[in-house]
Amino acid sequence: GIENSRLVSLLSVGNGDHSALANIYERLVRLYGGRASLDVTSSEGK
């Protein structure tokens, strides 16, 4: 799982290990103009 404090920044550009996730999010915005979505939910230990 992922700590709650990190969930908010997962889709932010330049976020270290998760930069690929932010990159995908940016591409979705460019390709679909906001009609696509990428959502992350997590529970520590689950």
All heavy atoms as atom14 arrays in JSON, in Angstrom:
{
  "sequence": "GIENSRLVSLLSVGNGDHSALANIYERLVRLYGGRASLDVTSSEGK",
  "atom14_mask": [
    [1, 1, 1, 1, 0, 0, 0, 0, 0, 0, 0, 0, 0, 0],
    [1, 1, 1, 1, 1, 1, 1, 1, 0, 0, 0, 0, 0, 0],
    [1, 1, 1, 1, 1, 1, 1, 1, 1, 0, 0, 0, 0, 0],
    [1, 1, 1, 1, 1, 1, 1, 1, 0, 0, 0, 0, 0, 0],
    [1, 1, 1, 1, 1, 1, 0, 0, 0, 0, 0, 0, 0, 0],
    [1, 1, 1, 1, 1, 1, 1, 1, 1, 1, 1, 0, 0, 0],
    [1, 1, 1, 1, 1, 1, 1, 1, 0, 0, 0, 0, 0, 0],
    [1, 1, 1, 1, 1, 1, 1, 0, 0, 0, 0, 0, 0, 0],
    [1, 1, 1, 1, 1, 1, 0, 0, 0, 0, 0, 0, 0, 0],
    [1, 1, 1, 1, 1, 1, 1, 1, 0, 0, 0, 0, 0, 0],
    [1, 1, 1, 1, 1, 1, 1, 1, 0, 0, 0, 0, 0, 0],
    [1, 1, 1, 1, 1, 1, 0, 0, 0, 0, 0, 0, 0, 0],
    [1, 1, 1, 1, 1, 1, 1, 0, 0, 0, 0, 0, 0, 0],
    [1, 1, 1, 1, 0, 0, 0, 0, 0, 0, 0, 0, 0, 0],
    [1, 1, 1, 1, 1, 1, 1, 1, 0, 0, 0, 0, 0, 0],
    [1, 1, 1, 1, 0, 0, 0, 0, 0, 0, 0, 0, 0, 0],
    [1, 1, 1, 1, 1, 1, 1, 1, 0, 0, 0, 0, 0, 0],
    [1, 1, 1, 1, 1, 1, 1, 1, 1, 1, 0, 0, 0, 0],
    [1, 1, 1, 1, 1, 1, 0, 0, 0, 0, 0, 0, 0, 0],
    [1, 1, 1, 1, 1, 0, 0, 0, 0, 0, 0, 0, 0, 0],
    [1, 1, 1, 1, 1, 1, 1, 1, 0, 0, 0, 0, 0, 0],
    [1, 1, 1, 1, 1, 0, 0, 0, 0, 0, 0, 0, 0, 0],
    [1, 1, 1, 1, 1, 1, 1, 1, 0, 0, 0, 0, 0, 0],
    [1, 1, 1, 1, 1, 1, 1, 1, 0, 0, 0, 0, 0, 0],
    [1, 1, 1, 1, 1, 1, 1, 1, 1, 1, 1, 1, 0, 0],
    [1, 1, 1, 1, 1, 1, 1, 1, 1, 0, 0, 0, 0, 0],
    [1, 1, 1, 1, 1, 1, 1, 1, 1, 1, 1, 0, 0, 0],
    [1, 1, 1, 1, 1, 1, 1, 1, 0, 0, 0, 0, 0, 0],
    [1, 1, 1, 1, 1, 1, 1, 0, 0, 0, 0, 0, 0, 0],
    [1, 1, 1, 1, 1, 1, 1, 1, 1, 1, 1, 0, 0, 0],
    [1, 1, 1, 1, 1, 1, 1, 1, 0, 0, 0, 0, 0, 0],
    [1, 1, 1, 1, 1, 1, 1, 1, 1, 1, 1, 1, 0, 0],
    [1, 1, 1, 1, 0, 0, 0, 0, 0, 0, 0, 0, 0, 0],
    [1, 1, 1, 1, 0, 0, 0, 0, 0, 0, 0, 0, 0, 0],
    [1, 1, 1, 1, 1, 1, 1, 1, 1, 1, 1, 0, 0, 0],
    [1, 1, 1, 1, 1, 0, 0, 0, 0, 0, 0, 0, 0, 0],
    [1, 1, 1, 1, 1, 1, 0, 0, 0, 0, 0, 0, 0, 0],
    [1, 1, 1, 1, 1, 1, 1, 1, 0, 0, 0, 0, 0, 0],
    [1, 1, 1, 1, 1, 1, 1, 1, 0, 0, 0, 0, 0, 0],
    [1, 1, 1, 1, 1, 1, 1, 0, 0, 0, 0, 0, 0, 0],
    [1, 1, 1, 1, 1, 1, 1, 0, 0, 0, 0, 0, 0, 0],
    [1, 1, 1, 1, 1, 1, 0, 0, 0, 0, 0, 0, 0, 0],
    [1, 1, 1, 1, 1, 1, 0, 0, 0, 0, 0, 0, 0, 0],
    [1, 1, 1, 1, 1, 1, 1, 1, 1, 0, 0, 0, 0, 0],
    [1, 1, 1, 1, 0, 0, 0, 0, 0, 0, 0, 0, 0, 0],
    [1, 1, 1, 1, 1, 1, 1, 1, 1, 0, 0, 0, 0, 0]
  ],
  "atom14_positions": [
    [[0.81, -1.21, 0.0], [0.0, 0.0, 0.0], [0.85, 1.27, 0.0], [2.08, 1.22, 0.03], [0.0, 0.0, 0.0], [0.0, 0.0, 0.0], [0.0, 0.0, 0.0], [0.0, 0.0, 0.0], [0.0, 0.0, 0.0], [0.0, 0.0, 0.0], [0.0, 0.0, 0.0], [0.0, 0.0, 0.0], [0.0, 0.0, 0.0], [0.0, 0.0, 0.0]],
    [[0.16, 2.4, -0.04], [0.81, 3.7, -0.11], [0.29, 4.59, 1.01], [-0.91, 4.62, 1.29], [0.52, 4.38, -1.47], [0.95, 3.46, -2.62], [1.23, 5.73, -1.58], [0.48, 3.92, -3.97], [0.0, 0.0, 0.0], [0.0, 0.0, 0.0], [0.0, 0.0, 0.0], [0.0, 0.0, 0.0], [0.0, 0.0, 0.0], [0.0, 0.0, 0.0]],
    [[1.21, 5.32, 1.64], [0.8, 6.23, 2.7], [-0.13, 7.31, 2.15], [0.05, 7.8, 1.04], [2.02, 6.9, 3.34], [3.04, 5.92, 3.91], [4.12, 5.58, 2.89], [3.83, 5.63, 1.67], [5.23, 5.25, 3.32], [0.0, 0.0, 0.0], [0.0, 0.0, 0.0], [0.0, 0.0, 0.0], [0.0, 0.0, 0.0], [0.0, 0.0, 0.0]],
    [[-1.09, 7.71, 2.97], [-2.05, 8.74, 2.55], [-1.35, 10.03, 2.14], [-1.77, 10.72, 1.21], [-3.05, 9.02, 3.67], [-4.02, 7.89, 3.87], [-4.31, 7.14, 2.94], [-4.53, 7.73, 5.09], [0.0, 0.0, 0.0], [0.0, 0.0, 0.0], [0.0, 0.0, 0.0], [0.0, 0.0, 0.0], [0.0, 0.0, 0.0], [0.0, 0.0, 0.0]],
    [[-0.26, 10.35, 2.82], [0.44, 11.6, 2.54], [1.07, 11.61, 1.14], [1.33, 12.67, 0.57], [1.53, 11.84, 3.58], [2.47, 10.76, 3.59], [0.0, 0.0, 0.0], [0.0, 0.0, 0.0], [0.0, 0.0, 0.0], [0.0, 0.0, 0.0], [0.0, 0.0, 0.0], [0.0, 0.0, 0.0], [0.0, 0.0, 0.0], [0.0, 0.0, 0.0]],
    [[1.3, 10.42, 0.57], [1.93, 10.33, -0.74], [0.91, 10.24, -1.87], [1.24, 10.53, -3.02], [2.85, 9.11, -0.8], [4.05, 9.2, 0.13], [4.9, 7.96, -0.01], [5.41, 7.8, -1.37], [5.9, 6.66, -1.86], [5.9, 5.58, -1.11], [6.34, 6.61, -3.08], [0.0, 0.0, 0.0], [0.0, 0.0, 0.0], [0.0, 0.0, 0.0]],
    [[-0.3, 9.83, -1.56], [-1.3, 9.64, -2.6], [-1.56, 10.91, -3.39], [-1.73, 10.89, -4.61], [-2.62, 9.15, -1.99], [-2.71, 7.65, -1.69], [-4.02, 7.33, -1.0], [-2.56, 6.83, -2.96], [0.0, 0.0, 0.0], [0.0, 0.0, 0.0], [0.0, 0.0, 0.0], [0.0, 0.0, 0.0], [0.0, 0.0, 0.0], [0.0, 0.0, 0.0]],
    [[-1.56, 12.05, -2.7], [-1.89, 13.32, -3.35], [-0.88, 13.67, -4.42], [-1.22, 14.25, -5.46], [-1.97, 14.45, -2.3], [-2.27, 15.78, -2.98], [-3.05, 14.14, -1.28], [0.0, 0.0, 0.0], [0.0, 0.0, 0.0], [0.0, 0.0, 0.0], [0.0, 0.0, 0.0], [0.0, 0.0, 0.0], [0.0, 0.0, 0.0], [0.0, 0.0, 0.0]],
    [[0.38, 13.31, -4.2], [1.45, 13.73, -5.11], [1.79, 12.7, -6.18], [2.68, 12.93, -6.99], [2.71, 14.05, -4.31], [3.19, 12.89, -3.64], [0.0, 0.0, 0.0], [0.0, 0.0, 0.0], [0.0, 0.0, 0.0], [0.0, 0.0, 0.0], [0.0, 0.0, 0.0], [0.0, 0.0, 0.0], [0.0, 0.0, 0.0], [0.0, 0.0, 0.0]],
    [[1.07, 11.58, -6.23], [1.44, 10.5, -7.15], [1.4, 10.91, -8.61], [2.18, 10.42, -9.42], [0.52, 9.29, -6.95], [0.83, 8.41, -5.74], [-0.12, 7.23, -5.72], [2.27, 7.93, -5.76], [0.0, 0.0, 0.0], [0.0, 0.0, 0.0], [0.0, 0.0, 0.0], [0.0, 0.0, 0.0], [0.0, 0.0, 0.0], [0.0, 0.0, 0.0]],
    [[0.48, 11.8, -8.97], [0.34, 12.2, -10.36], [1.09, 13.48, -10.68], [0.89, 14.06, -11.75], [-1.14, 12.36, -10.71], [-2.01, 11.12, -10.5], [-3.44, 11.37, -10.95], [-1.44, 9.91, -11.24], [0.0, 0.0, 0.0], [0.0, 0.0, 0.0], [0.0, 0.0, 0.0], [0.0, 0.0, 0.0], [0.0, 0.0, 0.0], [0.0, 0.0, 0.0]],
    [[1.95, 13.91, -9.77], [2.72, 15.13, -9.99], [3.98, 14.82, -10.77], [4.65, 13.81, -10.51], [3.1, 15.78, -8.65], [1.94, 16.11, -7.92], [0.0, 0.0, 0.0], [0.0, 0.0, 0.0], [0.0, 0.0, 0.0], [0.0, 0.0, 0.0], [0.0, 0.0, 0.0], [0.0, 0.0, 0.0], [0.0, 0.0, 0.0], [0.0, 0.0, 0.0]],
    [[4.32, 15.68, -11.71], [5.51, 15.49, -12.54], [6.77, 15.55, -11.67], [6.86, 16.34, -10.74], [5.58, 16.56, -13.65], [6.85, 16.4, -14.47], [4.35, 16.46, -14.54], [0.0, 0.0, 0.0], [0.0, 0.0, 0.0], [0.0, 0.0, 0.0], [0.0, 0.0, 0.0], [0.0, 0.0, 0.0], [0.0, 0.0, 0.0], [0.0, 0.0, 0.0]],
    [[7.74, 14.69, -12.0], [9.03, 14.73, -11.31], [8.97, 14.14, -9.93], [9.74, 14.51, -9.06], [0.0, 0.0, 0.0], [0.0, 0.0, 0.0], [0.0, 0.0, 0.0], [0.0, 0.0, 0.0], [0.0, 0.0, 0.0], [0.0, 0.0, 0.0], [0.0, 0.0, 0.0], [0.0, 0.0, 0.0], [0.0, 0.0, 0.0], [0.0, 0.0, 0.0]],
    [[8.08, 13.16, -9.73], [7.92, 12.6, -8.39], [8.69, 11.29, -8.23], [8.16, 10.29, -7.8], [6.43, 12.38, -8.09], [6.18, 12.04, -6.64], [6.81, 12.6, -5.76], [5.26, 11.12, -6.39], [0.0, 0.0, 0.0], [0.0, 0.0, 0.0], [0.0, 0.0, 0.0], [0.0, 0.0, 0.0], [0.0, 0.0, 0.0], [0.0, 0.0, 0.0]],
    [[9.92, 11.28, -8.62], [10.81, 10.16, -8.36], [10.33, 8.86, -8.97], [10.13, 8.73, -10.16], [0.0, 0.0, 0.0], [0.0, 0.0, 0.0], [0.0, 0.0, 0.0], [0.0, 0.0, 0.0], [0.0, 0.0, 0.0], [0.0, 0.0, 0.0], [0.0, 0.0, 0.0], [0.0, 0.0, 0.0], [0.0, 0.0, 0.0], [0.0, 0.0, 0.0]],
    [[10.09, 7.86, -8.09], [9.73, 6.53, -8.54], [8.42, 6.51, -9.32], [8.18, 5.59, -10.1], [9.59, 5.59, -7.33], [10.93, 5.28, -6.7], [11.94, 5.41, -7.4], [10.96, 4.92, -5.52], [0.0, 0.0, 0.0], [0.0, 0.0, 0.0], [0.0, 0.0, 0.0], [0.0, 0.0, 0.0], [0.0, 0.0, 0.0], [0.0, 0.0, 0.0]],
    [[7.57, 7.49, -9.11], [6.26, 7.46, -9.74], [6.16, 8.43, -10.91], [5.07, 8.8, -11.31], [5.18, 7.77, -8.69], [5.1, 6.74, -7.59], [4.41, 5.56, -7.73], [5.65, 6.72, -6.36], [4.52, 4.85, -6.62], [5.27, 5.52, -5.78], [0.0, 0.0, 0.0], [0.0, 0.0, 0.0], [0.0, 0.0, 0.0], [0.0, 0.0, 0.0]],
    [[7.3, 8.86, -11.45], [7.25, 9.8, -12.56], [6.57, 9.21, -13.79], [5.93, 9.93, -14.55], [8.67, 10.26, -12.93], [9.48, 9.15, -13.28], [0.0, 0.0, 0.0], [0.0, 0.0, 0.0], [0.0, 0.0, 0.0], [0.0, 0.0, 0.0], [0.0, 0.0, 0.0], [0.0, 0.0, 0.0], [0.0, 0.0, 0.0], [0.0, 0.0, 0.0]],
    [[6.66, 7.89, -13.99], [5.97, 7.25, -15.11], [4.47, 7.41, -14.97], [3.75, 7.61, -15.96], [6.36, 5.78, -15.2], [0.0, 0.0, 0.0], [0.0, 0.0, 0.0], [0.0, 0.0, 0.0], [0.0, 0.0, 0.0], [0.0, 0.0, 0.0], [0.0, 0.0, 0.0], [0.0, 0.0, 0.0], [0.0, 0.0, 0.0], [0.0, 0.0, 0.0]],
    [[3.96, 7.33, -13.74], [2.53, 7.51, -13.51], [2.09, 8.93, -13.86], [1.06, 9.13, -14.51], [2.21, 7.21, -12.04], [0.75, 6.99, -11.66], [0.19, 5.79, -12.4], [0.61, 6.8, -10.16], [0.0, 0.0, 0.0], [0.0, 0.0, 0.0], [0.0, 0.0, 0.0], [0.0, 0.0, 0.0], [0.0, 0.0, 0.0], [0.0, 0.0, 0.0]],
    [[2.88, 9.9, -13.46], [2.58, 11.29, -13.81], [2.66, 11.51, -15.31], [1.87, 12.26, -15.89], [3.54, 12.24, -13.08], [0.0, 0.0, 0.0], [0.0, 0.0, 0.0], [0.0, 0.0, 0.0], [0.0, 0.0, 0.0], [0.0, 0.0, 0.0], [0.0, 0.0, 0.0], [0.0, 0.0, 0.0], [0.0, 0.0, 0.0], [0.0, 0.0, 0.0]],
    [[3.62, 10.84, -15.94], [3.78, 10.96, -17.39], [2.54, 10.42, -18.1], [2.03, 11.04, -19.04], [5.03, 10.16, -17.81], [5.51, 10.53, -19.19], [4.73, 10.86, -20.07], [6.82, 10.46, -19.39], [0.0, 0.0, 0.0], [0.0, 0.0, 0.0], [0.0, 0.0, 0.0], [0.0, 0.0, 0.0], [0.0, 0.0, 0.0], [0.0, 0.0, 0.0]],
    [[2.04, 9.27, -17.66], [0.84, 8.69, -18.25], [-0.35, 9.64, -18.07], [-1.13, 9.84, -19.01], [0.54, 7.33, -17.6], [1.59, 6.31, -18.03], [-0.86, 6.83, -17.99], [1.52, 5.01, -17.27], [0.0, 0.0, 0.0], [0.0, 0.0, 0.0], [0.0, 0.0, 0.0], [0.0, 0.0, 0.0], [0.0, 0.0, 0.0], [0.0, 0.0, 0.0]],
    [[-0.47, 10.21, -16.89], [-1.58, 11.13, -16.63], [-1.53, 12.33, -17.58], [-2.55, 12.71, -18.16], [-1.5, 11.6, -15.18], [-2.59, 12.58, -14.8], [-3.91, 12.16, -14.66], [-2.3, 13.93, -14.6], [-4.91, 13.06, -14.32], [-3.29, 14.83, -14.28], [-4.59, 14.38, -14.13], [-5.58, 15.28, -13.8], [0.0, 0.0, 0.0], [0.0, 0.0, 0.0]],
    [[-0.35, 12.88, -17.78], [-0.2, 14.0, -18.7], [-0.57, 13.6, -20.13], [-1.23, 14.35, -20.85], [1.25, 14.51, -18.67], [1.53, 15.48, -17.55], [2.81, 16.24, -17.81], [3.89, 15.65, -17.57], [2.74, 17.39, -18.27], [0.0, 0.0, 0.0], [0.0, 0.0, 0.0], [0.0, 0.0, 0.0], [0.0, 0.0, 0.0], [0.0, 0.0, 0.0]],
    [[-0.15, 12.41, -20.55], [-0.48, 11.95, -21.9], [-1.99, 11.78, -22.08], [-2.54, 12.09, -23.14], [0.24, 10.63, -22.19], [1.76, 10.79, -22.32], [2.4, 9.45, -22.59], [1.92, 8.88, -23.84], [1.62, 7.59, -24.02], [1.75, 6.74, -23.02], [1.21, 7.16, -25.18], [0.0, 0.0, 0.0], [0.0, 0.0, 0.0], [0.0, 0.0, 0.0]],
    [[-2.66, 11.29, -21.05], [-4.11, 11.13, -21.13], [-4.79, 12.48, -21.33], [-5.74, 12.6, -22.12], [-4.64, 10.46, -19.86], [-4.24, 9.0, -19.63], [-4.85, 8.5, -18.33], [-4.68, 8.12, -20.79], [0.0, 0.0, 0.0], [0.0, 0.0, 0.0], [0.0, 0.0, 0.0], [0.0, 0.0, 0.0], [0.0, 0.0, 0.0], [0.0, 0.0, 0.0]],
    [[-4.31, 13.47, -20.61], [-4.89, 14.81, -20.75], [-4.69, 15.33, -22.16], [-5.61, 15.9, -22.78], [-4.27, 15.78, -19.73], [-4.73, 17.21, -19.99], [-4.65, 15.36, -18.31], [0.0, 0.0, 0.0], [0.0, 0.0, 0.0], [0.0, 0.0, 0.0], [0.0, 0.0, 0.0], [0.0, 0.0, 0.0], [0.0, 0.0, 0.0], [0.0, 0.0, 0.0]],
    [[-3.51, 15.12, -22.71], [-3.21, 15.61, -24.06], [-4.03, 14.86, -25.12], [-4.51, 15.43, -26.08], [-1.71, 15.48, -24.35], [-0.84, 16.38, -23.5], [0.63, 16.16, -23.83], [1.5, 16.94, -22.97], [1.83, 18.2, -23.19], [1.33, 18.84, -24.24], [2.63, 18.84, -22.37], [0.0, 0.0, 0.0], [0.0, 0.0, 0.0], [0.0, 0.0, 0.0]],
    [[-4.15, 13.54, -24.95], [-4.83, 12.73, -25.95], [-6.34, 12.86, -25.9], [-7.01, 12.84, -26.94], [-4.44, 11.26, -25.78], [-3.06, 10.84, -26.28], [-2.74, 9.43, -25.82], [-2.99, 10.94, -27.8], [0.0, 0.0, 0.0], [0.0, 0.0, 0.0], [0.0, 0.0, 0.0], [0.0, 0.0, 0.0], [0.0, 0.0, 0.0], [0.0, 0.0, 0.0]],
    [[-6.9, 12.99, -24.7], [-8.35, 12.94, -24.55], [-8.96, 14.25, -24.06], [-10.18, 14.33, -23.88], [-8.75, 11.81, -23.59], [-8.35, 10.44, -24.08], [-7.17, 9.84, -23.66], [-9.16, 9.73, -24.97], [-6.8, 8.57, -24.1], [-8.8, 8.48, -25.42], [-7.62, 7.9, -24.98], [-7.26, 6.65, -25.43], [0.0, 0.0, 0.0], [0.0, 0.0, 0.0]],
    [[-8.14, 15.23, -23.81], [-8.67, 16.52, -23.41], [-9.49, 16.51, -22.14], [-10.48, 17.23, -22.02], [0.0, 0.0, 0.0], [0.0, 0.0, 0.0], [0.0, 0.0, 0.0], [0.0, 0.0, 0.0], [0.0, 0.0, 0.0], [0.0, 0.0, 0.0], [0.0, 0.0, 0.0], [0.0, 0.0, 0.0], [0.0, 0.0, 0.0], [0.0, 0.0, 0.0]],
    [[-9.12, 15.69, -21.19], [-9.83, 15.66, -19.92], [-10.96, 14.65, -19.86], [-11.59, 14.49, -18.81], [0.0, 0.0, 0.0], [0.0, 0.0, 0.0], [0.0, 0.0, 0.0], [0.0, 0.0, 0.0], [0.0, 0.0, 0.0], [0.0, 0.0, 0.0], [0.0, 0.0, 0.0], [0.0, 0.0, 0.0], [0.0, 0.0, 0.0], [0.0, 0.0, 0.0]],
    [[-11.24, 13.94, -20.97], [-12.33, 12.97, -20.96], [-11.9, 11.62, -20.39], [-12.75, 10.76, -20.14], [-12.88, 12.79, -22.38], [-13.54, 14.05, -22.94], [-14.16, 13.78, -24.3], [-13.19, 13.35, -25.29], [-12.44, 14.2, -26.02], [-12.55, 15.51, -25.82], [-11.58, 13.74, -26.9], [0.0, 0.0, 0.0], [0.0, 0.0, 0.0], [0.0, 0.0, 0.0]],
    [[-10.6, 11.42, -20.22], [-10.09, 10.2, -19.59], [-9.76, 10.5, -18.13], [-9.6, 11.66, -17.73], [-8.85, 9.7, -20.32], [0.0, 0.0, 0.0], [0.0, 0.0, 0.0], [0.0, 0.0, 0.0], [0.0, 0.0, 0.0], [0.0, 0.0, 0.0], [0.0, 0.0, 0.0], [0.0, 0.0, 0.0], [0.0, 0.0, 0.0], [0.0, 0.0, 0.0]],
    [[-9.63, 9.44, -17.34], [-9.29, 9.64, -15.93], [-8.33, 8.55, -15.47], [-8.33, 7.43, -16.0], [-10.54, 9.63, -15.05], [-11.17, 8.36, -15.08], [0.0, 0.0, 0.0], [0.0, 0.0, 0.0], [0.0, 0.0, 0.0], [0.0, 0.0, 0.0], [0.0, 0.0, 0.0], [0.0, 0.0, 0.0], [0.0, 0.0, 0.0], [0.0, 0.0, 0.0]],
    [[-7.51, 8.9, -14.49], [-6.57, 7.98, -13.85], [-6.67, 8.2, -12.36], [-6.36, 9.28, -11.86], [-5.14, 8.24, -14.35], [-4.03, 7.35, -13.78], [-4.25, 5.91, -14.21], [-2.66, 7.84, -14.25], [0.0, 0.0, 0.0], [0.0, 0.0, 0.0], [0.0, 0.0, 0.0], [0.0, 0.0, 0.0], [0.0, 0.0, 0.0], [0.0, 0.0, 0.0]],
    [[-7.13, 7.2, -11.64], [-7.38, 7.33, -10.2], [-6.6, 6.27, -9.44], [-6.48, 5.12, -9.88], [-8.87, 7.17, -9.9], [-9.72, 8.21, -10.62], [-9.51, 9.41, -10.37], [-10.58, 7.81, -11.42], [0.0, 0.0, 0.0], [0.0, 0.0, 0.0], [0.0, 0.0, 0.0], [0.0, 0.0, 0.0], [0.0, 0.0, 0.0], [0.0, 0.0, 0.0]],
    [[-6.07, 6.67, -8.29], [-5.29, 5.77, -7.44], [-5.92, 5.73, -6.06], [-6.15, 6.77, -5.44], [-3.82, 6.23, -7.33], [-3.02, 5.22, -6.5], [-3.2, 6.42, -8.69], [0.0, 0.0, 0.0], [0.0, 0.0, 0.0], [0.0, 0.0, 0.0], [0.0, 0.0, 0.0], [0.0, 0.0, 0.0], [0.0, 0.0, 0.0], [0.0, 0.0, 0.0]],
    [[-6.22, 4.53, -5.58], [-6.69, 4.33, -4.21], [-5.79, 3.3, -3.55], [-5.31, 2.36, -4.2], [-8.15, 3.85, -4.17], [-8.26, 2.62, -4.9], [-9.08, 4.89, -4.8], [0.0, 0.0, 0.0], [0.0, 0.0, 0.0], [0.0, 0.0, 0.0], [0.0, 0.0, 0.0], [0.0, 0.0, 0.0], [0.0, 0.0, 0.0], [0.0, 0.0, 0.0]],
    [[-5.56, 3.47, -2.25], [-4.64, 2.56, -1.57], [-4.91, 2.54, -0.07], [-5.39, 3.52, 0.5], [-3.19, 2.99, -1.82], [-2.28, 2.04, -1.29], [0.0, 0.0, 0.0], [0.0, 0.0, 0.0], [0.0, 0.0, 0.0], [0.0, 0.0, 0.0], [0.0, 0.0, 0.0], [0.0, 0.0, 0.0], [0.0, 0.0, 0.0], [0.0, 0.0, 0.0]],
    [[-4.6, 1.39, 0.53], [-4.67, 1.25, 1.99], [-3.37, 0.61, 2.44], [-2.97, -0.43, 1.9], [-5.85, 0.37, 2.39], [-7.08, 0.94, 2.02], [0.0, 0.0, 0.0], [0.0, 0.0, 0.0], [0.0, 0.0, 0.0], [0.0, 0.0, 0.0], [0.0, 0.0, 0.0], [0.0, 0.0, 0.0], [0.0, 0.0, 0.0], [0.0, 0.0, 0.0]],
    [[-2.72, 1.22, 3.4], [-1.45, 0.68, 3.89], [-1.64, -0.74, 4.41], [-2.54, -1.02, 5.19], [-0.89, 1.57, 4.99], [-0.38, 2.91, 4.5], [0.32, 3.7, 5.58], [1.37, 3.23, 6.06], [-0.19, 4.77, 5.96], [0.0, 0.0, 0.0], [0.0, 0.0, 0.0], [0.0, 0.0, 0.0], [0.0, 0.0, 0.0], [0.0, 0.0, 0.0]],
    [[-0.78, -1.64, 3.94], [-0.85, -3.03, 4.37], [-1.89, -3.86, 3.65], [-1.98, -5.07, 3.87], [0.0, 0.0, 0.0], [0.0, 0.0, 0.0], [0.0, 0.0, 0.0], [0.0, 0.0, 0.0], [0.0, 0.0, 0.0], [0.0, 0.0, 0.0], [0.0, 0.0, 0.0], [0.0, 0.0, 0.0], [0.0, 0.0, 0.0], [0.0, 0.0, 0.0]],
    [[-2.68, -3.24, 2.77], [-3.75, -3.97, 2.08], [-3.6, -3.95, 0.56], [-4.09, -4.86, -0.12], [-5.11, -3.42, 2.47], [-5.46, -3.62, 3.94], [-6.85, -3.11, 4.25], [-7.2, -3.35, 5.7], [-8.58, -2.86, 6.02], [0.0, 0.0, 0.0], [0.0, 0.0, 0.0], [0.0, 0.0, 0.0], [0.0, 0.0, 0.0], [0.0, 0.0, 0.0]]
  ]
}
